[in-house]
N, C-alpha and C. Protein backbone atom coordinates (compact mmCIF):
# COMPACT_ATOMS: atom_id res chain seq x y z
N MET A 1 -23.10 -11.15 25.55
CA MET A 1 -22.39 -12.22 26.04
C MET A 1 -21.93 -13.06 25.25
N TRP A 2 -22.52 -13.61 24.05
CA TRP A 2 -21.79 -14.22 22.81
C TRP A 2 -20.62 -13.60 22.60
N GLY A 3 -20.78 -12.47 22.48
CA GLY A 3 -19.84 -11.22 21.28
C GLY A 3 -18.73 -11.35 22.26
N SER A 4 -19.16 -11.12 23.60
CA SER A 4 -17.48 -11.30 24.41
C SER A 4 -16.64 -12.60 24.78
N LEU A 5 -17.53 -13.72 24.44
CA LEU A 5 -17.04 -14.88 24.17
C LEU A 5 -16.03 -14.96 22.66
N LEU A 6 -16.93 -14.71 21.80
CA LEU A 6 -16.19 -15.33 20.57
C LEU A 6 -15.05 -13.67 20.86
N ALA A 7 -14.89 -12.85 21.31
CA ALA A 7 -13.36 -11.75 21.36
C ALA A 7 -12.73 -12.73 22.02
N LEU A 8 -13.04 -13.34 23.18
CA LEU A 8 -12.06 -14.03 24.04
C LEU A 8 -11.73 -15.33 23.63
N GLN A 9 -12.28 -16.05 22.16
CA GLN A 9 -11.95 -16.76 21.40
C GLN A 9 -10.89 -16.10 21.02
N HIS A 10 -10.98 -15.07 19.96
CA HIS A 10 -10.21 -14.84 18.98
C HIS A 10 -8.79 -14.26 19.71
N GLU A 11 -8.67 -13.61 20.61
CA GLU A 11 -7.90 -13.35 21.21
C GLU A 11 -6.95 -14.77 21.67
N ILE A 12 -7.38 -15.81 22.34
CA ILE A 12 -6.98 -16.83 22.62
C ILE A 12 -6.15 -17.31 21.40
N GLU A 13 -7.12 -17.84 19.84
CA GLU A 13 -6.44 -17.76 18.70
C GLU A 13 -4.98 -17.15 18.36
N LYS A 14 -5.41 -15.96 18.68
CA LYS A 14 -4.39 -15.07 17.82
C LYS A 14 -2.89 -15.45 18.67
N SER A 15 -2.63 -15.39 20.03
CA SER A 15 -2.03 -15.24 20.98
C SER A 15 -1.17 -16.76 21.02
N LEU A 16 -2.20 -17.91 20.19
CA LEU A 16 -1.54 -19.48 19.71
C LEU A 16 -1.04 -18.92 18.96
N ASN A 17 -1.68 -18.72 17.63
CA ASN A 17 -1.29 -18.37 16.37
C ASN A 17 -0.42 -16.98 16.02
N PRO A 18 0.35 -16.46 16.23
CA PRO A 18 -0.01 -14.68 15.82
C PRO A 18 1.03 -14.27 14.45
N SER A 19 1.71 -15.52 14.05
CA SER A 19 2.29 -15.13 13.03
C SER A 19 1.33 -14.85 11.24
N THR A 20 0.20 -15.56 11.60
CA THR A 20 -0.90 -15.62 10.39
C THR A 20 -0.97 -13.80 10.33
N GLU A 21 -1.25 -13.05 11.14
CA GLU A 21 -1.59 -11.77 11.29
C GLU A 21 -0.27 -11.12 10.63
N THR A 22 0.42 -11.77 11.71
CA THR A 22 1.90 -10.63 11.16
C THR A 22 2.34 -10.76 9.20
N LYS A 23 2.27 -12.02 9.04
CA LYS A 23 2.86 -11.89 7.67
C LYS A 23 1.15 -11.48 6.83
N THR A 24 0.26 -11.81 7.17
CA THR A 24 -0.73 -10.69 6.22
C THR A 24 -0.75 -9.07 6.31
N ASN A 25 -0.17 -8.92 7.63
CA ASN A 25 0.39 -7.19 7.57
C ASN A 25 1.81 -6.56 6.59
N ILE A 26 2.93 -7.62 6.77
CA ILE A 26 3.54 -7.37 5.91
C ILE A 26 3.49 -7.86 4.40
N ASN A 27 2.52 -8.79 4.08
CA ASN A 27 2.62 -8.74 2.86
C ASN A 27 1.38 -7.64 1.96
N MET A 28 1.00 -6.58 3.03
CA MET A 28 -0.12 -5.51 3.07
C MET A 28 0.92 -4.77 2.58
N ASN A 29 1.93 -4.48 3.32
CA ASN A 29 2.88 -3.27 3.73
C ASN A 29 3.58 -3.64 2.16
N THR A 30 3.69 -4.87 1.77
CA THR A 30 4.99 -4.87 0.70
C THR A 30 4.03 -4.39 -0.58
N VAL A 31 2.25 -4.81 -0.62
CA VAL A 31 1.87 -4.30 -1.71
C VAL A 31 1.42 -2.99 -1.61
N PHE A 32 1.72 -2.64 -0.55
CA PHE A 32 1.31 -0.60 -0.48
C PHE A 32 2.97 -0.30 -1.01
N LYS A 33 4.08 -0.81 -0.36
CA LYS A 33 5.09 -0.07 -1.14
C LYS A 33 4.82 0.03 -2.80
N THR A 34 4.46 -1.68 -3.09
CA THR A 34 4.91 -1.52 -4.68
C THR A 34 4.06 -0.72 -5.50
N LEU A 35 2.90 -0.52 -4.62
CA LEU A 35 1.97 0.64 -5.40
C LEU A 35 2.10 2.09 -5.33
N GLY A 36 2.97 2.11 -4.00
CA GLY A 36 3.95 3.60 -4.04
C GLY A 36 5.04 4.05 -4.91
N ARG A 37 5.80 2.61 -5.10
CA ARG A 37 7.00 2.59 -6.19
C ARG A 37 6.18 3.23 -7.35
N ILE A 38 5.50 2.02 -8.16
CA ILE A 38 4.82 2.43 -9.42
C ILE A 38 4.02 3.52 -9.79
N GLY A 39 3.74 4.26 -8.25
CA GLY A 39 3.20 5.71 -8.31
C GLY A 39 4.07 6.73 -8.77
N LEU A 40 5.14 6.37 -7.87
CA LEU A 40 6.40 7.39 -8.53
C LEU A 40 6.99 6.84 -9.97
N LEU A 41 7.19 5.48 -9.98
CA LEU A 41 7.07 6.06 -12.05
C LEU A 41 6.66 6.33 -12.63
N LEU A 42 5.24 5.85 -12.30
CA LEU A 42 4.04 6.99 -13.20
C LEU A 42 4.43 8.44 -13.05
N THR A 43 4.58 9.27 -11.65
CA THR A 43 4.82 10.38 -11.82
C THR A 43 6.08 10.57 -12.29
N ILE A 44 7.11 10.08 -12.62
CA ILE A 44 8.85 10.52 -13.30
C ILE A 44 9.03 10.45 -14.27
N LEU A 45 8.55 8.83 -14.77
CA LEU A 45 9.02 8.55 -16.50
C LEU A 45 8.32 9.62 -17.68
N PRO A 46 6.71 9.67 -17.01
CA PRO A 46 5.81 10.87 -18.68
C PRO A 46 7.07 11.91 -18.82
N SER A 47 7.13 12.70 -17.66
CA SER A 47 8.07 13.57 -18.06
C SER A 47 9.18 13.15 -18.60
N ILE A 48 10.12 12.52 -18.60
CA ILE A 48 11.53 12.31 -19.24
C ILE A 48 10.54 11.60 -20.56
N LEU A 49 10.01 11.05 -20.79
CA LEU A 49 9.49 10.75 -21.64
C LEU A 49 8.94 12.06 -23.07
N TYR A 50 8.24 12.97 -21.98
CA TYR A 50 7.70 14.17 -22.98
C TYR A 50 8.63 15.33 -23.23
N PHE A 51 9.99 15.33 -22.81
CA PHE A 51 11.06 15.55 -22.60
C PHE A 51 12.11 15.66 -24.09
N ILE A 52 11.62 13.77 -23.78
CA ILE A 52 12.24 13.67 -25.03
C ILE A 52 11.72 13.33 -26.32
N ASP A 53 10.74 14.18 -26.56
CA ASP A 53 9.57 14.15 -27.31
C ASP A 53 8.87 12.69 -27.65
N LYS A 54 8.70 12.12 -27.25
CA LYS A 54 8.16 10.27 -27.31
C LYS A 54 6.68 10.38 -26.43
N MET A 55 6.33 11.51 -26.09
CA MET A 55 4.85 11.31 -25.45
C MET A 55 4.51 12.41 -25.66
N GLU A 56 2.89 12.72 -25.93
CA GLU A 56 2.01 13.66 -26.04
C GLU A 56 2.04 14.18 -24.40
N LEU A 57 1.51 16.08 -24.46
CA LEU A 57 1.33 16.23 -23.42
C LEU A 57 0.07 15.83 -22.23
N GLU A 58 -1.28 15.58 -23.27
CA GLU A 58 -2.69 15.29 -22.60
C GLU A 58 -2.35 13.95 -21.58
N ASP A 59 -1.25 12.67 -22.73
CA ASP A 59 -0.87 11.76 -22.35
C ASP A 59 -0.16 12.03 -20.75
N VAL A 60 1.28 12.79 -21.06
CA VAL A 60 1.50 12.99 -19.74
C VAL A 60 0.99 13.19 -18.49
N LYS A 61 0.06 14.40 -18.62
CA LYS A 61 -1.27 14.61 -17.56
C LYS A 61 -1.78 14.08 -16.64
N LEU A 62 -2.06 12.74 -17.99
CA LEU A 62 -3.11 11.76 -17.70
C LEU A 62 -2.02 11.00 -16.75
N TYR A 63 -1.20 10.33 -17.12
CA TYR A 63 -0.04 9.13 -16.51
C TYR A 63 0.47 9.62 -15.08
N MET A 64 0.90 11.53 -15.23
CA MET A 64 1.46 12.24 -14.18
C MET A 64 0.55 11.86 -12.72
N THR A 65 -1.11 12.67 -13.62
CA THR A 65 -2.43 12.46 -11.99
C THR A 65 -2.69 11.19 -12.02
N ILE A 66 -2.28 10.18 -12.23
CA ILE A 66 -2.84 8.32 -11.70
C ILE A 66 -1.57 8.17 -11.25
N GLY A 67 -0.42 8.49 -11.13
CA GLY A 67 0.78 7.93 -10.14
C GLY A 67 0.65 8.55 -9.32
N MET A 68 0.57 10.29 -9.30
CA MET A 68 0.28 11.00 -7.71
C MET A 68 -0.93 9.99 -6.73
N VAL A 69 -1.50 9.84 -7.61
CA VAL A 69 -2.89 9.64 -6.61
C VAL A 69 -1.89 8.13 -6.51
N ALA A 70 -1.87 7.12 -7.14
CA ALA A 70 -1.04 5.91 -6.72
C ALA A 70 0.24 6.34 -5.80
N TRP A 71 0.74 7.04 -5.74
CA TRP A 71 2.05 7.30 -4.96
C TRP A 71 1.35 7.56 -3.23
N PHE A 72 0.63 8.50 -3.67
CA PHE A 72 0.14 8.76 -2.17
C PHE A 72 -0.62 8.02 -1.50
N VAL A 73 -1.32 7.36 -2.45
CA VAL A 73 -2.43 6.22 -1.45
C VAL A 73 -1.31 5.32 -1.01
N GLY A 74 -0.44 4.42 -1.96
CA GLY A 74 0.24 3.20 -1.19
C GLY A 74 1.34 3.77 -0.55
N SER A 75 2.11 5.31 -0.43
CA SER A 75 2.51 5.44 0.54
C SER A 75 2.03 6.04 1.99
N ILE A 76 0.94 6.31 1.98
CA ILE A 76 0.30 6.73 3.24
C ILE A 76 -0.25 5.51 3.86
N LEU A 77 -0.75 4.24 3.33
CA LEU A 77 -1.19 3.16 3.55
C LEU A 77 -0.01 2.17 4.34
N ALA A 78 1.08 2.62 3.27
CA ALA A 78 1.88 1.61 4.19
C ALA A 78 2.55 2.05 5.08
N SER A 79 2.33 3.24 5.76
CA SER A 79 2.85 3.97 6.51
C SER A 79 1.90 3.64 7.69
N ARG A 80 0.83 3.66 7.77
CA ARG A 80 -0.30 3.61 8.79
C ARG A 80 -0.14 2.27 9.05
N LEU A 81 0.20 0.93 7.96
CA LEU A 81 -0.25 -0.18 8.51
C LEU A 81 1.23 -0.91 9.18
N VAL A 82 0.48 -1.03 10.80
CA VAL A 82 1.91 -1.88 11.68
C VAL A 82 1.69 -3.19 11.81
N PRO A 83 2.88 -3.93 12.09
CA PRO A 83 2.80 -4.91 12.07
C PRO A 83 1.90 -5.47 13.94
N ALA A 84 1.62 -6.67 14.03
CA ALA A 84 0.75 -6.67 14.80
C ALA A 84 2.09 -6.84 15.83
N ASP A 85 3.32 -7.14 15.80
CA ASP A 85 4.04 -7.58 16.90
C ASP A 85 4.38 -6.02 17.79
N SER A 86 4.33 -4.93 17.63
CA SER A 86 4.89 -4.02 17.85
C SER A 86 3.68 -3.44 18.19
N GLU A 87 2.21 -3.63 18.39
CA GLU A 87 1.58 -2.64 19.32
C GLU A 87 1.92 -3.28 20.68
């Protein structure tokens, strides 16, 4: 019984102030998109630095692997995060 009352209270509070949840989704979406872009830079930049002989191959592999993971994680999480308005 108390759980349903708490859920009802949460729904009422959310309907009275929907901007808080939307701002949180927008901020998290920005964070994930930024993470994806940094990952993309870490994927592209080391290969260019290796091409102009400014970075060793082992370092290129490390940074590109970190960049690949960051890019995929950031882009997947940003695409799955939907603002509360569109539900």
